[in-house]
């Protein structure tokens, strides 16, 4: 009889997590009473919730707790315990994991329509991941978990995916992001959208710690437009100046390593050729726009200044001496330039 009664009392209450897949777990009391003075152990990234007749009572954070009246103020009040109470009692104990839950997937099954100042109304599909944690166990238990004996991470992911995706569409509209920003600024846009989605998760005691866009799908014609913009940026004046600076550093390095005139001469010849190629790229990119402007101005912009022509002739002469241009090629370029005087 003594052994039977002893087994009816719970003296140690704890949750040794076997995996990261469980976010809520009810301690299996088997209708046993909790011994007065029992030891409750709550580990890091855990919270223990005591339920008295369906009502949330005391909540315990990480540490070791001795279950006595002074450590159970709410439960003591609910049960109207008198001073000096030391009898076994009944309560349901739930453990909640507060660690960060990672790699939840989200995606837009249907395209989202975004207004872009350049492209107009376009379709966007997006995919990504998000991280969450339970930051208010009491609210989470009351508003979502309820009396479930166990709750898994994948159940949580399935439930909140339906909330995250439509909120992403709303948040994307509120952020006023353009198609180019969606396509090229994943991290910045994710941080902008995160607090907008967080507003809905607050009601469930959840914190959205990270919201990330991993891929965006735009219509083919918009994607091609983005590529053209990127190509134009690569041949901008700023980029060419940067390339010239880097090339000059390479020249100095080669000269220092070789330590002779021939090394310096060869490096400078390569640099000159690269600079002319980059300038030609700029001219090709702007050819269409320049041609239209020149036609409107009656050909007035076709002429180069005398200074520019003489400078170009000098550079062409140096290229001919280096053997890069043939005599015929030099003469043809020279004829074209002199015709612009």
Protein backbone atom coordinates (compact mmCIF):
# COMPACT_ATOMS: atom_id res chain seq x y z
CA UNK A 1 0.00 0.00 0.00
CA UNK A 2 2.87 2.40 0.83
CA UNK A 3 4.51 1.80 -2.57
CA UNK A 4 1.22 2.39 -4.36
CA UNK A 5 0.66 5.70 -2.60
CA UNK A 6 4.23 6.80 -3.27
CA UNK A 7 3.81 6.21 -7.01
CA UNK A 8 0.68 8.36 -6.95
CA UNK A 9 2.71 11.47 -6.08
CA UNK A 10 4.85 13.36 -8.60
CA UNK A 11 8.11 14.49 -7.01
CA UNK A 12 10.13 15.51 -10.10
CA UNK A 13 8.70 17.45 -13.05
CA UNK A 14 10.91 18.23 -16.08
CA UNK A 15 11.06 18.08 -19.87
CA UNK A 16 14.08 16.48 -21.53
CA UNK A 17 13.60 17.44 -25.16
CA UNK A 18 14.42 14.58 -27.52
CA UNK A 19 14.29 16.72 -30.67
CA UNK A 20 13.73 20.24 -31.91
CA UNK A 21 10.45 19.32 -33.56
CA UNK A 22 8.24 19.90 -30.49
CA UNK A 23 7.23 23.39 -29.35
CA UNK A 24 4.66 22.46 -26.69
CA UNK A 25 4.48 19.33 -24.50
CA UNK A 26 2.13 18.35 -21.67
CA UNK A 27 3.81 16.60 -18.76
CA UNK A 28 2.28 13.08 -18.55
CA UNK A 29 0.90 13.06 -15.02
CA UNK A 30 -1.44 10.07 -15.53
CA UNK A 31 -3.94 11.72 -13.17
CA UNK A 32 -1.34 11.70 -10.39
CA UNK A 33 -1.17 14.41 -7.76
CA UNK A 34 1.89 16.65 -7.38
CA UNK A 35 3.67 16.29 -4.07
CA UNK A 36 3.94 19.47 -2.04
CA UNK A 37 7.59 20.56 -2.30
CA UNK A 38 8.18 18.67 -5.58
CA UNK A 39 11.10 19.77 -7.75
CA UNK A 40 10.34 21.52 -11.04
CA UNK A 41 13.29 21.86 -13.44
CA UNK A 42 12.94 24.24 -16.37
CA UNK A 43 15.85 24.31 -18.79
CA UNK A 44 17.13 27.16 -20.92
CA UNK A 45 14.80 27.95 -23.84
CA UNK A 46 11.85 26.47 -21.90
CA UNK A 47 8.91 27.82 -19.92
CA UNK A 48 6.59 25.77 -17.69
CA UNK A 49 2.91 26.71 -17.41
CA UNK A 50 0.69 25.40 -14.60
CA UNK A 51 -3.01 25.04 -15.42
CA UNK A 52 -5.60 24.82 -12.66
CA UNK A 53 -8.98 23.51 -13.81
CA UNK A 54 -8.46 24.92 -17.30
CA UNK A 55 -7.20 28.31 -16.07
CA UNK A 56 -3.63 29.53 -16.50
CA UNK A 57 -1.94 29.88 -13.12
CA UNK A 58 1.79 30.21 -12.39
CA UNK A 59 4.46 30.39 -15.10
CA UNK A 60 8.08 29.41 -14.46
CA UNK A 61 11.22 30.34 -16.41
CA UNK A 62 14.59 28.53 -16.56
CA UNK A 63 15.86 27.22 -13.22
CA UNK A 64 15.01 24.79 -10.43
CA UNK A 65 11.84 25.54 -8.49
CA UNK A 66 10.51 23.98 -5.30
CA UNK A 67 6.74 23.79 -5.52
CA UNK A 68 5.55 25.37 -2.27
CA UNK A 69 2.92 28.00 -1.57
CA UNK A 70 5.45 30.86 -1.61
CA UNK A 71 6.55 29.82 -5.11
CA UNK A 72 3.01 29.35 -6.43
CA UNK A 73 1.23 32.64 -5.66
CA UNK A 74 -1.48 32.39 -8.33
CA UNK A 75 -2.19 28.71 -7.76
CA UNK A 76 -2.35 29.33 -4.02
CA UNK A 77 -4.93 32.05 -4.57
CA UNK A 78 -7.01 29.99 -7.03
CA UNK A 79 -7.15 27.03 -4.68
CA UNK A 80 -7.65 29.21 -1.58
CA UNK A 81 -4.85 27.44 0.24
CA UNK A 82 -4.38 28.43 3.85
CA UNK A 83 -1.04 29.23 5.43
CA UNK A 84 0.84 26.06 6.26
CA UNK A 85 -0.70 24.02 3.44
CA UNK A 86 1.44 20.96 2.69
CA UNK A 87 -0.85 18.44 0.99
CA UNK A 88 -0.50 17.00 -2.57
CA UNK A 89 -2.37 18.92 -5.26
CA UNK A 90 -3.59 18.49 -8.83
CA UNK A 91 -2.53 20.67 -11.77
CA UNK A 92 -1.74 20.25 -15.46
CA UNK A 93 1.80 21.21 -16.44
CA UNK A 94 2.73 22.30 -19.98
CA UNK A 95 6.24 23.01 -21.23
CA UNK A 96 6.71 25.53 -24.03
CA UNK A 97 9.89 25.85 -26.11
CA UNK A 98 11.07 29.45 -26.53
CA UNK A 99 14.03 28.72 -28.80
CA UNK A 100 14.16 30.19 -32.29
CA UNK A 101 12.44 28.08 -34.94
CA UNK A 102 14.24 28.39 -38.28
CA UNK A 103 13.75 27.78 -41.98
CA UNK A 104 9.98 28.09 -42.20
CA UNK A 105 9.16 28.25 -45.91
CA UNK A 106 6.78 30.67 -47.60
CA UNK A 107 5.87 31.41 -51.17
CA UNK A 108 3.22 33.06 -53.32
CA UNK A 109 1.16 30.37 -55.09
CA UNK A 110 -0.47 33.09 -57.18
CA UNK A 111 1.30 36.17 -58.61
CA UNK A 112 1.13 39.47 -56.75
CA UNK A 113 0.45 42.61 -58.78
CA UNK A 114 2.82 45.48 -58.05
CA UNK A 115 2.67 49.01 -59.43
CA UNK A 116 6.02 50.14 -60.83
CA UNK A 117 6.69 53.75 -61.93
CA UNK A 118 8.51 52.56 -65.05
CA UNK A 119 6.91 49.24 -65.99
CA UNK A 120 3.36 49.89 -64.76
CA UNK A 121 1.36 47.03 -63.20
CA UNK A 122 3.44 43.85 -63.20
CA UNK A 123 3.14 40.32 -61.79
CA UNK A 124 5.56 39.20 -59.09
CA UNK A 125 6.12 35.79 -57.52
CA UNK A 126 8.32 35.52 -54.46
CA UNK A 127 9.68 32.79 -52.19
CA UNK A 128 11.69 32.77 -49.01
CA UNK A 129 12.14 31.70 -45.40
CA UNK A 130 11.30 33.11 -41.99
CA UNK A 131 12.31 32.47 -38.37
CA UNK A 132 10.00 32.67 -35.35
CA UNK A 133 10.02 32.19 -31.61
CA UNK A 134 7.37 32.14 -28.90
CA UNK A 135 8.00 35.33 -26.93
CA UNK A 136 4.79 35.31 -24.88
CA UNK A 137 4.06 31.69 -23.76
CA UNK A 138 0.92 32.65 -21.87
CA UNK A 139 -0.65 34.36 -24.89
CA UNK A 140 0.53 31.59 -27.21
CA UNK A 141 -1.11 28.94 -25.01
CA UNK A 142 -4.34 30.87 -24.70
CA UNK A 143 -4.72 32.10 -28.27
CA UNK A 144 -3.30 29.18 -30.24
CA UNK A 145 -2.12 26.00 -28.51
CA UNK A 146 -5.05 25.45 -26.18
CA UNK A 147 -5.13 22.07 -24.46
CA UNK A 148 -3.16 20.13 -27.08
CA UNK A 149 -0.99 17.48 -25.43
CA UNK A 150 1.76 18.13 -27.98
CA UNK A 151 2.41 20.61 -30.77
CA UNK A 152 5.00 20.15 -33.51
CA UNK A 153 6.96 22.73 -35.51
CA UNK A 154 5.51 21.62 -38.85
CA UNK A 155 1.97 22.15 -37.50
CA UNK A 156 2.93 25.69 -36.61
CA UNK A 157 4.48 26.27 -40.02
CA UNK A 158 1.40 25.02 -41.87
CA UNK A 159 -0.91 27.19 -39.78
CA UNK A 160 1.00 30.45 -40.15
CA UNK A 161 2.01 30.10 -43.77
CA UNK A 162 -1.54 31.06 -44.62
CA UNK A 163 -1.09 34.25 -42.61
CA UNK A 164 2.40 35.20 -43.81
CA UNK A 165 1.76 34.97 -47.57
CA UNK A 166 -1.24 37.36 -47.79
CA UNK A 167 0.44 39.70 -45.31
CA UNK A 168 3.51 39.73 -47.55
CA UNK A 169 1.33 40.91 -50.45
CA UNK A 170 -0.16 43.68 -48.31
CA UNK A 171 3.19 44.66 -46.88
CA UNK A 172 4.75 44.76 -50.34
CA UNK A 173 2.08 47.23 -51.44
CA UNK A 174 2.57 49.37 -48.31
CA UNK A 175 6.34 49.46 -48.79
CA UNK A 176 5.88 51.01 -52.30
CA UNK A 177 8.82 48.94 -53.53
CA UNK A 178 9.49 49.13 -57.28
CA UNK A 179 10.12 46.08 -59.46
CA UNK A 180 13.84 46.88 -59.49
CA UNK A 181 13.95 47.05 -55.68
CA UNK A 182 12.14 43.72 -55.35
CA UNK A 183 14.55 42.17 -57.82
CA UNK A 184 17.79 43.58 -56.44
CA UNK A 185 17.29 44.42 -52.75
CA UNK A 186 16.16 41.18 -51.09
CA UNK A 187 17.69 41.86 -47.65
CA UNK A 188 16.58 45.49 -47.35
CA UNK A 189 13.04 44.71 -48.51
CA UNK A 190 12.79 41.77 -46.10
CA UNK A 191 13.65 44.02 -43.16
CA UNK A 192 11.07 46.55 -44.32
CA UNK A 193 8.31 43.96 -44.55
CA UNK A 194 9.12 42.08 -41.31
CA UNK A 195 7.55 44.58 -38.84
CA UNK A 196 4.41 44.78 -40.99
CA UNK A 197 3.85 41.03 -40.69
CA UNK A 198 4.85 41.10 -37.01
CA UNK A 199 1.77 43.18 -36.23
CA UNK A 200 -0.47 40.15 -36.87
CA UNK A 201 1.77 37.67 -35.06
CA UNK A 202 1.65 39.72 -31.85
CA UNK A 203 -1.87 38.41 -31.22
CA UNK A 204 -0.48 34.88 -30.91
CA UNK A 205 2.52 35.62 -28.70
CA UNK A 206 4.93 35.02 -31.58
CA UNK A 207 7.96 37.03 -32.67
CA UNK A 208 9.09 37.09 -36.29
CA UNK A 209 12.85 37.25 -35.80
CA UNK A 210 13.78 37.09 -39.48
CA UNK A 211 11.93 37.40 -42.77
CA UNK A 212 13.95 36.69 -45.88
CA UNK A 213 13.21 36.80 -49.60
CA UNK A 214 15.32 34.16 -51.36
CA UNK A 215 14.01 34.46 -54.92
CA UNK A 216 11.77 36.66 -57.03
CA UNK A 217 10.22 35.79 -60.36
CA UNK A 218 9.29 38.63 -62.72
CA UNK A 219 7.85 38.56 -66.25
CA UNK A 220 10.56 37.88 -68.90
CA UNK A 221 10.33 41.36 -70.41
CA UNK A 222 10.87 42.98 -67.00
CA UNK A 223 13.83 40.69 -66.26
CA UNK A 224 15.42 41.68 -69.57
CA UNK A 225 14.89 45.35 -68.71
CA UNK A 226 16.71 44.82 -65.39
CA UNK A 227 19.63 43.23 -67.23
CA UNK A 228 19.89 46.21 -69.54
CA UNK A 229 19.95 48.57 -66.56
CA UNK A 230 22.71 46.53 -64.94
CA UNK A 231 24.67 46.54 -68.21
CA UNK A 232 24.34 50.31 -68.48
CA UNK A 233 25.56 50.73 -64.91
CA UNK A 234 28.68 48.69 -65.72
CA UNK A 235 29.64 51.16 -68.43
CA UNK A 236 28.83 54.35 -66.52
CA UNK A 237 31.46 57.08 -66.11
CA UNK A 238 31.83 56.22 -62.43
CA UNK A 239 32.52 52.57 -63.20
CA UNK A 240 35.01 53.38 -65.94
CA UNK A 241 36.89 55.77 -63.66
CA UNK A 242 37.08 53.02 -61.05
CA UNK A 243 38.38 50.54 -63.61
CA UNK A 244 41.01 53.01 -64.73
CA UNK A 245 42.19 53.42 -61.16
CA UNK A 246 42.43 49.67 -60.71
CA UNK A 247 44.26 49.27 -64.00
CA UNK A 248 46.75 51.95 -63.01
CA UNK A 249 47.43 50.01 -59.80
CA UNK A 250 48.12 46.92 -61.94
CA UNK A 251 50.57 48.92 -64.07
CA UNK A 252 52.47 50.08 -61.00
CA UNK A 253 52.57 46.54 -59.64
CA UNK A 254 53.93 45.10 -62.90
CA UNK A 255 56.55 47.84 -63.14
CA UNK A 256 57.67 47.22 -59.56
CA UNK A 257 57.98 43.48 -60.20
CA UNK A 258 59.86 43.78 -63.49
CA UNK A 259 61.84 46.84 -62.51
CA UNK A 260 62.60 47.81 -66.11
CA UNK A 261 61.40 50.04 -68.90
CA UNK A 262 60.00 47.25 -71.08
CA UNK A 263 57.73 46.05 -68.24
CA UNK A 264 56.39 49.57 -67.73
CA UNK A 265 55.90 50.14 -71.44
CA UNK A 266 54.01 46.88 -71.96
CA UNK A 267 51.76 47.48 -68.97
CA UNK A 268 50.93 51.02 -70.04
CA UNK A 269 50.10 49.81 -73.57
CA UNK A 270 47.64 47.28 -72.14
CA UNK A 271 46.10 49.97 -69.95
CA UNK A 272 45.63 52.31 -72.90
CA UNK A 273 43.95 49.60 -74.92
CA UNK A 274 41.55 48.72 -72.07
CA UNK A 275 40.62 52.36 -71.60
CA UNK A 276 39.81 52.77 -75.28
CA UNK A 277 37.68 49.62 -75.20
CA UNK A 278 35.68 50.91 -72.24
CA UNK A 279 35.20 54.27 -73.92
CA UNK A 280 33.96 52.46 -77.02
CA UNK A 281 31.43 50.56 -74.87
CA UNK A 282 30.12 53.87 -73.54
CA UNK A 283 29.81 55.24 -77.05
CA UNK A 284 27.93 52.12 -78.22
CA UNK A 285 25.46 52.29 -75.30
CA UNK A 286 24.69 55.94 -75.95
CA UNK A 287 24.67 55.66 -79.75
CA UNK A 288 20.89 55.41 -80.08
CA UNK A 289 20.13 58.38 -77.88
CA UNK A 290 22.90 60.50 -79.42
CA UNK A 291 21.73 59.71 -82.93
CA UNK A 292 18.22 60.91 -82.13
CA UNK A 293 19.51 64.13 -80.57
CA UNK A 294 21.85 64.73 -83.50
CA UNK A 295 19.03 64.32 -86.00
CA UNK A 296 16.88 66.82 -84.10
CA UNK A 297 19.73 69.33 -83.99
CA UNK A 298 20.33 69.05 -87.73
CA UNK A 299 23.64 67.31 -87.32
CA UNK A 300 25.14 70.02 -85.15
CA UNK A 301 26.33 67.54 -82.54
CA UNK A 302 28.24 65.36 -85.06
CA UNK A 303 31.26 67.66 -84.89
CA UNK A 304 34.02 67.15 -82.38
CA UNK A 305 36.09 69.92 -80.96
CA UNK A 306 39.53 70.47 -82.48
CA UNK A 307 41.11 69.59 -79.17
CA UNK A 308 39.27 66.25 -78.96
CA UNK A 309 40.19 65.36 -82.54
CA UNK A 310 43.90 66.10 -82.05
CA UNK A 311 43.92 64.12 -78.80
CA UNK A 312 42.27 61.13 -80.49
CA UNK A 313 44.67 61.30 -83.43
CA UNK A 314 47.61 61.25 -81.02
CA UNK A 315 46.22 58.16 -79.24
CA UNK A 316 45.62 56.43 -82.57
CA UNK A 317 49.20 57.21 -83.61
CA UNK A 318 50.50 55.59 -80.44
CA UNK A 319 48.39 52.50 -81.11
CA UNK A 320 49.82 52.30 -84.62
CA UNK A 321 53.37 52.50 -83.25
CA UNK A 322 52.54 49.71 -80.79
CA UNK A 323 51.41 47.54 -83.69
CA UNK A 324 47.82 47.38 -82.52
CA UNK A 325 46.51 49.34 -85.52
CA UNK A 326 47.67 48.76 -89.11
CA UNK A 327 48.65 51.63 -91.36
CA UNK A 328 45.38 51.27 -93.32
CA UNK A 329 43.25 51.24 -90.14
CA UNK A 330 45.05 54.32 -88.85
CA UNK A 331 44.50 56.20 -92.11
CA UNK A 332 40.78 55.29 -92.17
CA UNK A 333 40.29 56.56 -88.59
CA UNK A 334 42.32 59.67 -89.37
CA UNK A 335 40.17 60.42 -92.43
CA UNK A 336 36.95 60.07 -90.38
CA UNK A 337 38.24 62.38 -87.65
CA UNK A 338 39.48 65.09 -89.99
CA UNK A 339 36.09 65.09 -91.72
CA UNK A 340 34.55 66.25 -88.41
CA UNK A 341 36.63 69.43 -88.23
